N, C-alpha and C. Protein backbone atom coordinates (compact mmCIF):
# COMPACT_ATOMS: atom_id res chain seq x y z
N UNK A 1 82.45 108.94 103.57
CA UNK A 1 82.67 107.63 102.98
C UNK A 1 83.25 106.64 103.97
N UNK A 2 83.79 107.16 105.07
CA UNK A 2 84.24 106.33 106.19
C UNK A 2 83.54 106.81 107.44
N UNK A 3 82.95 105.89 108.16
CA UNK A 3 82.20 106.24 109.37
C UNK A 3 82.73 105.41 110.51
N UNK A 4 83.42 106.08 111.45
CA UNK A 4 84.00 105.40 112.60
C UNK A 4 83.08 105.51 113.80
N UNK A 5 83.13 104.50 114.65
CA UNK A 5 82.32 104.50 115.87
C UNK A 5 82.97 103.59 116.90
N UNK A 6 82.48 103.68 118.13
CA UNK A 6 82.91 102.77 119.17
C UNK A 6 83.78 103.36 120.26
N UNK A 7 84.16 104.62 120.13
CA UNK A 7 84.98 105.23 121.16
C UNK A 7 84.19 105.47 122.44
N UNK A 8 84.93 105.87 123.47
CA UNK A 8 84.27 106.16 124.73
C UNK A 8 85.27 106.24 125.86
N UNK A 9 84.72 106.24 127.07
CA UNK A 9 85.53 106.29 128.28
C UNK A 9 85.64 104.89 128.87
N UNK A 10 86.85 104.48 129.17
CA UNK A 10 87.07 103.15 129.73
C UNK A 10 88.16 103.23 130.78
N UNK A 11 88.08 102.37 131.77
CA UNK A 11 89.11 102.34 132.81
C UNK A 11 90.36 101.63 132.32
N UNK A 12 91.49 101.94 132.90
CA UNK A 12 92.72 101.22 132.54
C UNK A 12 92.52 99.71 132.71
N UNK A 13 93.03 98.96 131.73
CA UNK A 13 92.84 97.52 131.73
C UNK A 13 91.60 97.07 131.01
N UNK A 14 90.75 98.00 130.64
CA UNK A 14 89.50 97.66 129.97
C UNK A 14 89.67 97.47 128.47
N UNK A 15 88.54 97.26 127.82
CA UNK A 15 88.53 96.98 126.37
C UNK A 15 87.51 97.85 125.66
N UNK A 16 87.79 98.11 124.40
CA UNK A 16 86.86 98.77 123.50
C UNK A 16 87.05 98.17 122.12
N UNK A 17 85.99 98.22 121.32
CA UNK A 17 86.10 97.82 119.93
C UNK A 17 85.64 98.97 119.04
N UNK A 18 86.52 99.42 118.19
CA UNK A 18 86.19 100.46 117.23
C UNK A 18 85.77 99.81 115.92
N UNK A 19 84.84 100.46 115.25
CA UNK A 19 84.37 100.00 113.95
C UNK A 19 84.47 101.13 112.94
N UNK A 20 84.70 100.77 111.71
CA UNK A 20 84.73 101.76 110.64
C UNK A 20 84.07 101.15 109.40
N UNK A 21 82.96 101.74 109.02
CA UNK A 21 82.24 101.28 107.85
C UNK A 21 82.61 102.15 106.65
N UNK A 22 82.90 101.51 105.54
CA UNK A 22 83.31 102.23 104.34
C UNK A 22 82.38 101.88 103.18
N UNK A 23 82.38 102.73 102.19
CA UNK A 23 81.65 102.40 100.98
C UNK A 23 82.38 101.27 100.26
N UNK A 24 81.63 100.45 99.56
CA UNK A 24 82.22 99.28 98.93
C UNK A 24 83.29 99.62 97.90
N UNK A 25 83.10 100.73 97.21
CA UNK A 25 84.05 101.10 96.16
C UNK A 25 85.41 101.45 96.74
N UNK A 26 85.43 101.86 98.00
CA UNK A 26 86.70 102.21 98.65
C UNK A 26 87.29 101.00 99.35
N UNK A 27 86.45 100.26 100.03
CA UNK A 27 86.92 99.25 100.96
C UNK A 27 87.66 98.10 100.29
N UNK A 28 87.10 97.57 99.23
CA UNK A 28 87.55 96.28 98.71
C UNK A 28 89.01 96.26 98.29
N UNK A 29 89.51 97.33 97.74
CA UNK A 29 90.88 97.33 97.21
C UNK A 29 91.83 98.13 98.09
N UNK A 30 91.39 98.49 99.28
CA UNK A 30 92.19 99.39 100.11
C UNK A 30 92.86 98.66 101.26
N UNK A 31 94.02 99.17 101.61
CA UNK A 31 94.59 98.85 102.93
C UNK A 31 93.87 99.75 103.93
N UNK A 32 93.31 99.13 104.93
CA UNK A 32 92.57 99.88 105.95
C UNK A 32 93.45 100.06 107.18
N UNK A 33 93.38 101.22 107.77
CA UNK A 33 94.23 101.48 108.93
C UNK A 33 93.52 102.27 109.99
N UNK A 34 94.03 102.18 111.18
CA UNK A 34 93.61 103.02 112.31
C UNK A 34 94.81 103.85 112.73
N UNK A 35 94.58 105.13 112.83
CA UNK A 35 95.57 106.07 113.32
C UNK A 35 95.02 106.72 114.59
N UNK A 36 95.89 107.33 115.36
CA UNK A 36 95.43 108.07 116.52
C UNK A 36 96.25 109.33 116.70
N UNK A 37 95.61 110.28 117.34
CA UNK A 37 96.28 111.55 117.61
C UNK A 37 95.90 112.01 119.00
N UNK A 38 96.90 112.08 119.85
CA UNK A 38 96.70 112.61 121.20
C UNK A 38 97.00 114.10 121.20
N UNK A 39 96.45 114.85 122.14
CA UNK A 39 96.69 116.29 122.18
C UNK A 39 98.18 116.61 122.22
N UNK A 40 98.60 117.49 121.32
CA UNK A 40 99.99 117.90 121.27
C UNK A 40 100.90 116.94 120.52
N UNK A 41 100.33 115.85 120.04
CA UNK A 41 101.14 114.85 119.33
C UNK A 41 100.75 114.78 117.86
N UNK A 42 101.64 114.22 117.07
CA UNK A 42 101.32 113.98 115.67
C UNK A 42 100.46 112.74 115.54
N UNK A 43 99.74 112.68 114.44
CA UNK A 43 98.96 111.49 114.17
C UNK A 43 99.90 110.33 113.89
N UNK A 44 99.58 109.18 114.47
CA UNK A 44 100.45 108.02 114.30
C UNK A 44 99.64 106.80 113.90
N UNK A 45 100.30 105.91 113.15
CA UNK A 45 99.66 104.67 112.75
C UNK A 45 99.58 103.73 113.94
N UNK A 46 98.40 103.18 114.16
CA UNK A 46 98.20 102.19 115.22
C UNK A 46 98.27 100.78 114.64
N UNK A 47 97.50 100.55 113.58
CA UNK A 47 97.44 99.23 112.96
C UNK A 47 96.89 99.36 111.56
N UNK A 48 97.26 98.41 110.71
CA UNK A 48 96.73 98.40 109.35
C UNK A 48 96.52 96.97 108.90
N UNK A 49 95.65 96.82 107.90
CA UNK A 49 95.36 95.50 107.35
C UNK A 49 95.15 95.65 105.85
N UNK A 50 95.84 94.83 105.09
CA UNK A 50 95.73 94.92 103.64
C UNK A 50 94.47 94.22 103.15
N UNK A 51 94.20 94.35 101.87
CA UNK A 51 93.05 93.67 101.29
C UNK A 51 93.21 92.15 101.37
N UNK A 52 94.44 91.70 101.49
CA UNK A 52 94.71 90.27 101.68
C UNK A 52 94.83 89.85 103.13
N UNK A 53 94.50 90.79 104.02
CA UNK A 53 94.46 90.57 105.48
C UNK A 53 95.83 90.42 106.14
N UNK A 54 96.85 90.95 105.52
CA UNK A 54 98.13 91.06 106.23
C UNK A 54 98.06 92.25 107.16
N UNK A 55 98.57 92.07 108.37
CA UNK A 55 98.43 93.10 109.39
C UNK A 55 99.78 93.68 109.81
N UNK A 56 99.70 94.90 110.34
CA UNK A 56 100.89 95.59 110.83
C UNK A 56 100.46 96.39 112.05
N UNK A 57 101.30 96.40 113.09
CA UNK A 57 100.96 97.08 114.33
C UNK A 57 102.10 97.98 114.79
N UNK A 58 101.75 99.05 115.43
CA UNK A 58 102.73 99.85 116.14
C UNK A 58 103.24 99.04 117.32
N UNK A 59 104.51 99.22 117.65
CA UNK A 59 105.10 98.45 118.75
C UNK A 59 104.34 98.67 120.06
N UNK A 60 103.82 99.85 120.24
CA UNK A 60 103.17 100.20 121.50
C UNK A 60 101.85 99.46 121.74
N UNK A 61 101.29 98.86 120.68
CA UNK A 61 100.00 98.18 120.83
C UNK A 61 100.08 96.70 120.53
N UNK A 62 101.23 96.22 120.11
CA UNK A 62 101.36 94.79 119.79
C UNK A 62 101.00 93.93 121.00
N UNK A 63 100.20 92.91 120.72
CA UNK A 63 99.78 92.01 121.79
C UNK A 63 98.56 92.49 122.55
N UNK A 64 98.14 93.74 122.32
CA UNK A 64 96.97 94.27 123.01
C UNK A 64 95.83 94.61 122.04
N UNK A 65 96.18 95.07 120.85
CA UNK A 65 95.18 95.47 119.86
C UNK A 65 95.16 94.47 118.71
N UNK A 66 93.99 94.29 118.14
CA UNK A 66 93.83 93.41 116.98
C UNK A 66 92.99 94.12 115.93
N UNK A 67 93.52 94.21 114.73
CA UNK A 67 92.77 94.79 113.62
C UNK A 67 92.22 93.65 112.76
N UNK A 68 91.00 93.82 112.28
CA UNK A 68 90.40 92.80 111.42
C UNK A 68 89.46 93.51 110.45
N UNK A 69 89.12 92.80 109.39
CA UNK A 69 88.19 93.37 108.42
C UNK A 69 87.15 92.32 108.04
N UNK A 70 85.94 92.81 107.86
CA UNK A 70 84.82 91.97 107.45
C UNK A 70 84.37 92.46 106.08
N UNK A 71 84.83 91.77 105.06
CA UNK A 71 84.62 92.26 103.70
C UNK A 71 83.14 92.31 103.31
N UNK A 72 82.37 91.38 103.82
CA UNK A 72 80.94 91.34 103.48
C UNK A 72 80.21 92.58 103.98
N UNK A 73 80.77 93.21 105.01
CA UNK A 73 80.13 94.41 105.59
C UNK A 73 80.92 95.68 105.31
N UNK A 74 82.00 95.55 104.53
CA UNK A 74 82.86 96.72 104.24
C UNK A 74 83.26 97.43 105.53
N UNK A 75 83.65 96.65 106.51
CA UNK A 75 83.92 97.21 107.84
C UNK A 75 85.27 96.71 108.35
N UNK A 76 85.99 97.60 108.99
CA UNK A 76 87.24 97.25 109.67
C UNK A 76 87.05 97.51 111.16
N UNK A 77 87.65 96.66 111.96
CA UNK A 77 87.52 96.74 113.40
C UNK A 77 88.89 96.91 114.05
N UNK A 78 88.86 97.50 115.23
CA UNK A 78 90.06 97.54 116.05
C UNK A 78 89.64 97.13 117.46
N UNK A 79 90.02 95.91 117.83
CA UNK A 79 89.76 95.42 119.18
C UNK A 79 90.92 95.86 120.07
N UNK A 80 90.59 96.62 121.09
CA UNK A 80 91.62 97.17 121.97
C UNK A 80 91.43 96.59 123.36
N UNK A 81 92.40 95.83 123.82
CA UNK A 81 92.38 95.23 125.14
C UNK A 81 93.50 95.79 126.00
N UNK A 82 93.40 95.57 127.28
CA UNK A 82 94.42 96.03 128.23
C UNK A 82 94.78 97.49 127.99
N UNK A 83 93.77 98.30 127.89
CA UNK A 83 93.98 99.71 127.56
C UNK A 83 94.73 100.44 128.66
N UNK A 84 95.56 101.38 128.23
CA UNK A 84 96.39 102.17 129.13
C UNK A 84 96.03 103.65 128.97
N UNK A 85 96.29 104.46 129.97
CA UNK A 85 96.03 105.90 129.82
C UNK A 85 96.70 106.50 128.60
N UNK A 86 97.86 105.99 128.23
CA UNK A 86 98.57 106.54 127.07
C UNK A 86 97.91 106.17 125.75
N UNK A 87 96.89 105.33 125.78
CA UNK A 87 96.11 105.04 124.57
C UNK A 87 95.05 106.11 124.32
N UNK A 88 94.89 107.01 125.25
CA UNK A 88 93.92 108.09 125.10
C UNK A 88 94.25 108.95 123.88
N UNK A 89 93.30 109.08 122.98
CA UNK A 89 93.51 109.82 121.74
C UNK A 89 92.22 109.83 120.93
N UNK A 90 92.23 110.61 119.88
CA UNK A 90 91.19 110.49 118.87
C UNK A 90 91.69 109.49 117.84
N UNK A 91 90.87 108.51 117.55
CA UNK A 91 91.23 107.44 116.62
C UNK A 91 90.55 107.69 115.28
N UNK A 92 91.34 107.59 114.23
CA UNK A 92 90.85 107.85 112.89
C UNK A 92 91.00 106.60 112.02
N UNK A 93 89.97 106.36 111.24
CA UNK A 93 89.99 105.28 110.27
C UNK A 93 90.54 105.82 108.94
N UNK A 94 91.33 105.01 108.27
CA UNK A 94 91.92 105.42 107.00
C UNK A 94 91.79 104.30 105.98
N UNK A 95 91.51 104.69 104.76
CA UNK A 95 91.54 103.76 103.63
C UNK A 95 92.60 104.26 102.65
N UNK A 96 93.52 103.39 102.31
CA UNK A 96 94.62 103.76 101.41
C UNK A 96 94.59 102.83 100.21
N UNK A 97 94.49 103.41 99.04
CA UNK A 97 94.50 102.59 97.84
C UNK A 97 95.38 103.21 96.77
N UNK A 98 95.94 102.37 95.96
CA UNK A 98 96.81 102.80 94.87
C UNK A 98 96.16 102.37 93.57
N UNK A 99 95.95 103.33 92.68
CA UNK A 99 95.40 103.05 91.37
C UNK A 99 96.47 103.43 90.34
N UNK A 100 97.03 102.41 89.74
CA UNK A 100 98.15 102.58 88.80
C UNK A 100 99.30 103.26 89.56
N UNK A 101 99.52 104.54 89.38
CA UNK A 101 100.64 105.17 90.09
C UNK A 101 100.18 106.23 91.08
N UNK A 102 98.88 106.35 91.25
CA UNK A 102 98.38 107.37 92.16
C UNK A 102 97.87 106.73 93.44
N UNK A 103 98.18 107.38 94.55
CA UNK A 103 97.71 106.92 95.85
C UNK A 103 96.57 107.82 96.33
N UNK A 104 95.58 107.19 96.92
CA UNK A 104 94.42 107.91 97.44
C UNK A 104 94.26 107.55 98.91
N UNK A 105 93.99 108.55 99.71
CA UNK A 105 93.73 108.35 101.14
C UNK A 105 92.38 108.96 101.50
N UNK A 106 91.60 108.18 102.24
CA UNK A 106 90.30 108.62 102.72
C UNK A 106 90.32 108.51 104.25
N UNK A 107 89.68 109.48 104.90
CA UNK A 107 89.70 109.53 106.36
C UNK A 107 88.29 109.59 106.91
N UNK A 108 88.10 108.90 108.03
CA UNK A 108 86.86 109.03 108.77
C UNK A 108 86.93 110.23 109.69
N UNK A 109 85.87 110.47 110.42
CA UNK A 109 85.74 111.68 111.22
C UNK A 109 86.42 111.60 112.57
N UNK A 110 86.87 110.44 112.99
CA UNK A 110 87.52 110.31 114.28
C UNK A 110 86.55 109.92 115.38
N UNK A 111 87.01 109.08 116.27
CA UNK A 111 86.23 108.71 117.44
C UNK A 111 87.16 108.77 118.65
N UNK A 112 86.68 109.36 119.71
CA UNK A 112 87.54 109.65 120.86
C UNK A 112 87.56 108.49 121.84
N UNK A 113 88.76 108.14 122.25
CA UNK A 113 88.97 107.11 123.26
C UNK A 113 89.67 107.74 124.45
N UNK A 114 89.07 107.59 125.62
CA UNK A 114 89.66 108.10 126.85
C UNK A 114 89.82 106.96 127.83
N UNK A 115 91.05 106.75 128.27
CA UNK A 115 91.35 105.70 129.24
C UNK A 115 91.73 106.37 130.54
N UNK A 116 90.85 106.25 131.50
CA UNK A 116 91.05 106.96 132.76
C UNK A 116 90.24 106.30 133.86
N UNK A 117 90.77 106.36 135.07
CA UNK A 117 90.04 105.85 136.23
C UNK A 117 89.25 106.96 136.89
């Protein structure tokens, strides 16, 4: 229900744009987020965007990454600029929605980002 794409190998200082397409029934009412997990580390939140387009970023990516959503395409993007080796990780797309008192989380399959010279 979530399909992430756009990862790859990039040199330090370079840019990548990740995309995550979701089914309409999930996307419209969900806060969409990007998480990442580097080897040996826990999964961490990178950025999120609410259905009203309020955004939140991890301190480590502020000023370098931008999250956005295109509602007409049920797609969320993560523009990553000025990439650093420490950004190397598998990036996962997440949809989080609350229905009455229950929370639901959906995950994409992950896309790998490697920042290396």
